């Protein structure tokens, strides 16, 4: 009898472990982050969306401030995690981060791998050159004939070079971040960079990039884009983010952020 009782107890214990494991497997992202008490936000240093404050103790920016508010609304802490942009999907799916909130261009291709929130801002790809070269690369054909073009690896600018312009790999300098692409141009290593206009507007002509200029976007620019926040496929955080973003638009939060962080264009059509 005791032997049977022990066997029965063992079976029940095993079933309990299996049930708990199954429970964890089926756990939604909302419960997951609440259990961890933290929302890990994947970013790169990208002014005016996500960048260090003056003493480099925290991240600020249009996206960073929105992400902080979202975490607060969910009742958890926020942690910003610097990611490699080309590996963003892998890092998200591996649960190294819980979302990508970094002026990310929404696309049909991307939506096949991850969930995308409602679009909250618009953007395009612009051309940045040394100030003296603004007339040298003021058309798509002239851009195509550049000796070397710097882009962030895996970015929309990278896609423009490969797909829109059809450039060979030896003409593309794919670097880790958009700021690195600008450094390539400032140093003379590349003729030009193709990056987000949102970032270029905020940093070009200032500080380390004071010798650079944006080529007139009325003459040359690429890919009208929409920004969205990325979540794991099937995440219950996506619906929460959609409601939060629309609320921030309706109550004036986003308008207030525009006064702090210039260069962002709201996607009002999608936020209404």
Protein backbone atom coordinates (compact mmCIF):
# COMPACT_ATOMS: atom_id res chain seq x y z
CA UNK A 1 0.00 0.00 0.00
CA UNK A 2 2.81 2.39 0.93
CA UNK A 3 4.55 1.58 -2.34
CA UNK A 4 1.40 2.43 -4.31
CA UNK A 5 1.02 5.67 -2.33
CA UNK A 6 4.60 6.64 -3.16
CA UNK A 7 4.09 5.91 -6.85
CA UNK A 8 0.84 7.90 -6.86
CA UNK A 9 2.55 10.82 -5.12
CA UNK A 10 5.37 10.70 -7.66
CA UNK A 11 2.93 10.78 -10.57
CA UNK A 12 1.07 13.72 -9.05
CA UNK A 13 4.34 15.60 -8.47
CA UNK A 14 5.42 15.01 -12.07
CA UNK A 15 2.03 16.14 -13.33
CA UNK A 16 2.32 19.29 -11.22
CA UNK A 17 5.76 20.10 -12.66
CA UNK A 18 4.45 19.51 -16.19
CA UNK A 19 1.44 21.74 -15.53
CA UNK A 20 3.67 24.54 -14.22
CA UNK A 21 5.98 24.24 -17.23
CA UNK A 22 2.97 24.34 -19.54
CA UNK A 23 1.66 27.36 -17.66
CA UNK A 24 4.96 29.20 -18.18
CA UNK A 25 4.97 28.28 -21.86
CA UNK A 26 1.50 29.74 -22.32
CA UNK A 27 2.23 32.82 -20.19
CA UNK A 28 1.45 36.06 -22.01
CA UNK A 29 3.98 38.87 -22.27
CA UNK A 30 1.95 41.10 -19.96
CA UNK A 31 2.06 38.54 -17.14
CA UNK A 32 5.71 37.83 -17.97
CA UNK A 33 6.88 41.43 -17.53
CA UNK A 34 4.72 41.89 -14.45
CA UNK A 35 6.32 38.82 -12.92
CA UNK A 36 9.76 40.27 -13.72
CA UNK A 37 8.55 43.77 -12.74
CA UNK A 38 10.40 45.29 -15.70
CA UNK A 39 9.78 46.19 -19.34
CA UNK A 40 13.06 45.81 -21.25
CA UNK A 41 13.09 48.22 -24.17
CA UNK A 42 15.48 47.55 -27.06
CA UNK A 43 17.09 50.71 -28.46
CA UNK A 44 20.10 52.19 -30.20
CA UNK A 45 21.46 55.67 -29.50
CA UNK A 46 19.27 57.65 -31.87
CA UNK A 47 18.55 61.32 -31.21
CA UNK A 48 15.79 62.54 -30.84
CA UNK A 49 14.15 59.16 -30.17
CA UNK A 50 16.44 57.46 -27.62
CA UNK A 51 19.71 58.97 -26.40
CA UNK A 52 21.71 59.61 -23.24
CA UNK A 53 20.95 62.55 -20.98
CA UNK A 54 23.72 65.05 -20.28
CA UNK A 55 25.48 63.03 -17.57
CA UNK A 56 24.75 59.69 -19.30
CA UNK A 57 22.81 58.28 -16.35
CA UNK A 58 19.55 57.71 -18.21
CA UNK A 59 17.97 57.64 -21.64
CA UNK A 60 15.71 60.43 -22.83
CA UNK A 61 14.00 61.19 -26.12
CA UNK A 62 10.61 61.08 -27.79
CA UNK A 63 10.49 57.28 -27.77
CA UNK A 64 12.27 56.89 -24.43
CA UNK A 65 9.78 59.17 -22.68
CA UNK A 66 6.84 57.32 -24.25
CA UNK A 67 8.32 53.96 -23.22
CA UNK A 68 8.74 55.18 -19.63
CA UNK A 69 5.10 56.23 -19.56
CA UNK A 70 3.99 52.89 -20.99
CA UNK A 71 5.92 50.95 -18.34
CA UNK A 72 4.43 53.15 -15.62
CA UNK A 73 0.94 52.49 -16.96
CA UNK A 74 1.63 48.75 -16.85
CA UNK A 75 2.87 49.09 -13.27
CA UNK A 76 6.47 47.97 -13.93
CA UNK A 77 9.94 49.47 -14.12
CA UNK A 78 11.60 50.25 -17.44
CA UNK A 79 15.07 49.16 -18.52
CA UNK A 80 16.66 50.37 -21.74
CA UNK A 81 18.84 47.78 -23.46
CA UNK A 82 21.30 48.75 -26.21
CA UNK A 83 20.87 46.29 -29.07
CA UNK A 84 22.54 45.53 -32.38
CA UNK A 85 19.99 46.75 -34.92
CA UNK A 86 20.64 43.97 -37.41
CA UNK A 87 19.88 41.42 -34.64
CA UNK A 88 16.78 43.11 -33.22
CA UNK A 89 14.31 40.34 -34.10
CA UNK A 90 16.53 37.61 -32.67
CA UNK A 91 17.07 39.58 -29.45
CA UNK A 92 13.32 40.17 -29.11
CA UNK A 93 12.40 36.52 -29.68
CA UNK A 94 15.13 35.36 -27.30
CA UNK A 95 13.49 37.54 -24.62
CA UNK A 96 16.61 39.62 -24.17
CA UNK A 97 14.22 42.54 -24.68
CA UNK A 98 10.42 42.84 -24.54
CA UNK A 99 9.91 45.42 -27.28
CA UNK A 100 11.74 47.52 -29.86
CA UNK A 101 10.97 51.23 -29.37
CA UNK A 102 13.52 53.12 -31.42
CA UNK A 103 12.08 54.94 -34.42
CA UNK A 104 11.64 51.60 -36.15
CA UNK A 105 10.38 51.58 -39.72
CA UNK A 106 7.29 49.40 -40.09
CA UNK A 107 7.17 47.12 -43.12
CA UNK A 108 5.24 44.14 -44.44
CA UNK A 109 8.40 42.05 -44.24
CA UNK A 110 8.97 42.98 -40.60
CA UNK A 111 5.35 42.26 -39.68
CA UNK A 112 5.82 38.65 -40.73
CA UNK A 113 8.34 38.18 -37.90
CA UNK A 114 7.04 40.42 -35.13
CA UNK A 115 3.92 42.34 -34.11
CA UNK A 116 3.84 46.05 -34.90
CA UNK A 117 1.93 48.69 -32.99
CA UNK A 118 -0.15 51.41 -34.59
CA UNK A 119 2.15 53.84 -36.41
CA UNK A 120 2.78 56.96 -34.33
CA UNK A 121 5.26 58.92 -36.49
CA UNK A 122 6.43 59.30 -40.09
CA UNK A 123 9.89 59.51 -41.58
CA UNK A 124 11.95 59.19 -44.74
CA UNK A 125 15.53 58.40 -45.66
CA UNK A 126 17.70 61.42 -46.40
CA UNK A 127 21.19 61.98 -47.73
CA UNK A 128 23.86 63.52 -45.48
CA UNK A 129 27.15 64.84 -46.91
CA UNK A 130 29.96 67.20 -46.01
CA UNK A 131 28.62 70.74 -46.24
CA UNK A 132 30.63 71.54 -49.35
CA UNK A 133 29.13 68.58 -51.21
CA UNK A 134 25.41 69.35 -50.97
CA UNK A 135 25.19 70.09 -54.69
CA UNK A 136 27.40 67.18 -55.65
CA UNK A 137 24.82 64.60 -54.53
CA UNK A 138 21.48 66.35 -55.08
CA UNK A 139 19.81 63.65 -57.16
CA UNK A 140 19.26 59.90 -56.91
CA UNK A 141 21.56 59.31 -59.88
CA UNK A 142 24.37 61.32 -58.28
CA UNK A 143 23.89 59.42 -55.00
CA UNK A 144 24.09 56.15 -56.91
CA UNK A 145 27.44 57.19 -58.39
CA UNK A 146 29.05 57.88 -54.99
CA UNK A 147 32.17 55.83 -54.27
CA UNK A 148 31.06 54.78 -50.78
CA UNK A 149 27.77 55.16 -48.91
CA UNK A 150 27.52 54.66 -45.14
CA UNK A 151 24.39 53.12 -43.59
CA UNK A 152 23.36 51.40 -40.38
CA UNK A 153 23.48 47.65 -40.93
CA UNK A 154 19.97 46.23 -41.29
CA UNK A 155 18.35 49.66 -41.47
CA UNK A 156 15.95 51.26 -43.94
CA UNK A 157 18.95 53.15 -45.37
CA UNK A 158 20.71 49.85 -45.94
CA UNK A 159 17.62 48.62 -47.81
CA UNK A 160 17.59 51.75 -49.99
CA UNK A 161 21.17 51.08 -51.05
CA UNK A 162 20.63 47.41 -51.82
CA UNK A 163 17.12 47.40 -53.27
CA UNK A 164 16.20 50.92 -54.44
CA UNK A 165 19.61 51.91 -55.78
CA UNK A 166 20.79 48.37 -56.51
CA UNK A 167 24.32 49.05 -55.30
CA UNK A 168 26.99 46.35 -55.03
CA UNK A 169 28.17 45.48 -51.52
CA UNK A 170 31.61 47.03 -52.07
CA UNK A 171 29.99 50.48 -52.32
CA UNK A 172 28.10 50.13 -49.03
CA UNK A 173 29.72 50.73 -45.65
CA UNK A 174 27.30 48.96 -43.28
CA UNK A 175 28.14 50.11 -39.74
CA UNK A 176 26.65 49.39 -36.32
CA UNK A 177 24.60 52.57 -35.80
CA UNK A 178 23.35 55.62 -37.68
CA UNK A 179 25.69 57.83 -35.67
CA UNK A 180 28.57 55.69 -36.95
CA UNK A 181 27.37 56.29 -40.51
CA UNK A 182 27.59 60.04 -39.92
CA UNK A 183 31.08 59.64 -38.44
CA UNK A 184 32.10 57.83 -41.66
CA UNK A 185 31.09 60.89 -43.67
CA UNK A 186 32.57 63.43 -41.24
CA UNK A 187 35.92 61.62 -41.37
CA UNK A 188 35.89 61.36 -45.17
CA UNK A 189 35.75 57.54 -45.15
CA UNK A 190 32.41 57.66 -47.03
CA UNK A 191 31.02 60.19 -49.50
CA UNK A 192 27.59 60.26 -47.92
CA UNK A 193 25.25 58.56 -45.49
CA UNK A 194 21.64 57.54 -45.93
CA UNK A 195 19.87 57.71 -42.57
CA UNK A 196 16.54 58.61 -40.98
CA UNK A 197 15.59 62.23 -41.55
CA UNK A 198 14.25 62.29 -37.98
CA UNK A 199 17.76 61.74 -36.64
CA UNK A 200 19.57 63.83 -39.24
CA UNK A 201 17.37 66.84 -38.45
CA UNK A 202 18.38 66.64 -34.79
CA UNK A 203 22.14 66.15 -35.02
CA UNK A 204 23.51 67.22 -38.41
CA UNK A 205 25.32 70.57 -38.34
CA UNK A 206 25.98 70.27 -34.60
CA UNK A 207 28.80 69.02 -32.38
CA UNK A 208 30.82 66.21 -33.97
CA UNK A 209 28.72 66.59 -37.12
CA UNK A 210 29.05 70.36 -37.53
CA UNK A 211 30.77 69.87 -40.92
CA UNK A 212 27.82 67.92 -42.33
CA UNK A 213 24.60 68.96 -44.06
CA UNK A 214 21.37 67.33 -45.23
CA UNK A 215 20.84 67.39 -48.97
CA UNK A 216 17.54 69.12 -49.78
CA UNK A 217 14.89 66.41 -49.29
CA UNK A 218 12.84 68.13 -52.00
CA UNK A 219 15.56 67.08 -54.44
CA UNK A 220 16.49 63.66 -53.10
CA UNK A 221 15.01 61.46 -50.40
CA UNK A 222 13.82 57.87 -50.23
CA UNK A 223 11.00 55.77 -48.83
CA UNK A 224 8.18 57.55 -47.04
CA UNK A 225 7.98 55.49 -43.86
CA UNK A 226 5.99 54.94 -40.71
CA UNK A 227 7.42 54.29 -37.25
CA UNK A 228 5.96 51.60 -34.98
CA UNK A 229 6.86 49.73 -31.79
CA UNK A 230 7.78 46.06 -32.20
CA UNK A 231 6.63 43.19 -29.97
CA UNK A 232 6.91 39.41 -30.10
CA UNK A 233 4.48 37.72 -32.48
CA UNK A 234 1.12 37.29 -30.77
CA UNK A 235 2.11 39.46 -27.78
CA UNK A 236 -0.73 40.84 -25.66
CA UNK A 237 1.41 43.96 -25.15
CA UNK A 238 0.69 45.12 -28.71
CA UNK A 239 -2.96 45.92 -27.98
CA UNK A 240 -1.95 47.66 -24.75
CA UNK A 241 0.60 49.77 -26.65
CA UNK A 242 -1.95 50.71 -29.33
CA UNK A 243 -4.37 52.01 -26.71
CA UNK A 244 -1.56 53.85 -24.90
CA UNK A 245 -0.22 55.54 -28.04
CA UNK A 246 -3.67 56.73 -29.09
CA UNK A 247 -4.32 58.01 -25.57
CA UNK A 248 -1.01 59.94 -25.60
CA UNK A 249 -2.03 61.57 -28.86
CA UNK A 250 -5.53 62.43 -27.68
CA UNK A 251 -4.48 63.90 -24.31
CA UNK A 252 -1.68 66.06 -25.76
CA UNK A 253 1.25 64.06 -24.37
CA UNK A 254 2.78 63.59 -27.82
CA UNK A 255 2.31 67.25 -28.72
CA UNK A 256 4.16 68.23 -25.54
CA UNK A 257 6.99 65.85 -26.43
CA UNK A 258 7.33 67.51 -29.85
CA UNK A 259 8.25 70.73 -28.04
CA UNK A 260 11.08 68.91 -26.23
CA UNK A 261 12.32 66.77 -29.12
CA UNK A 262 12.28 68.46 -32.52
CA UNK A 263 12.32 66.62 -35.82
CA UNK A 264 9.53 64.13 -35.10
CA UNK A 265 6.43 64.14 -37.34
CA UNK A 266 3.34 62.54 -35.82
CA UNK A 267 1.31 60.10 -37.89
CA UNK A 268 -1.94 61.82 -36.98
CA UNK A 269 -4.01 59.85 -39.48
CA UNK A 270 -3.17 56.58 -37.72
CA UNK A 271 -3.37 57.95 -34.17
CA UNK A 272 -6.90 59.39 -34.38
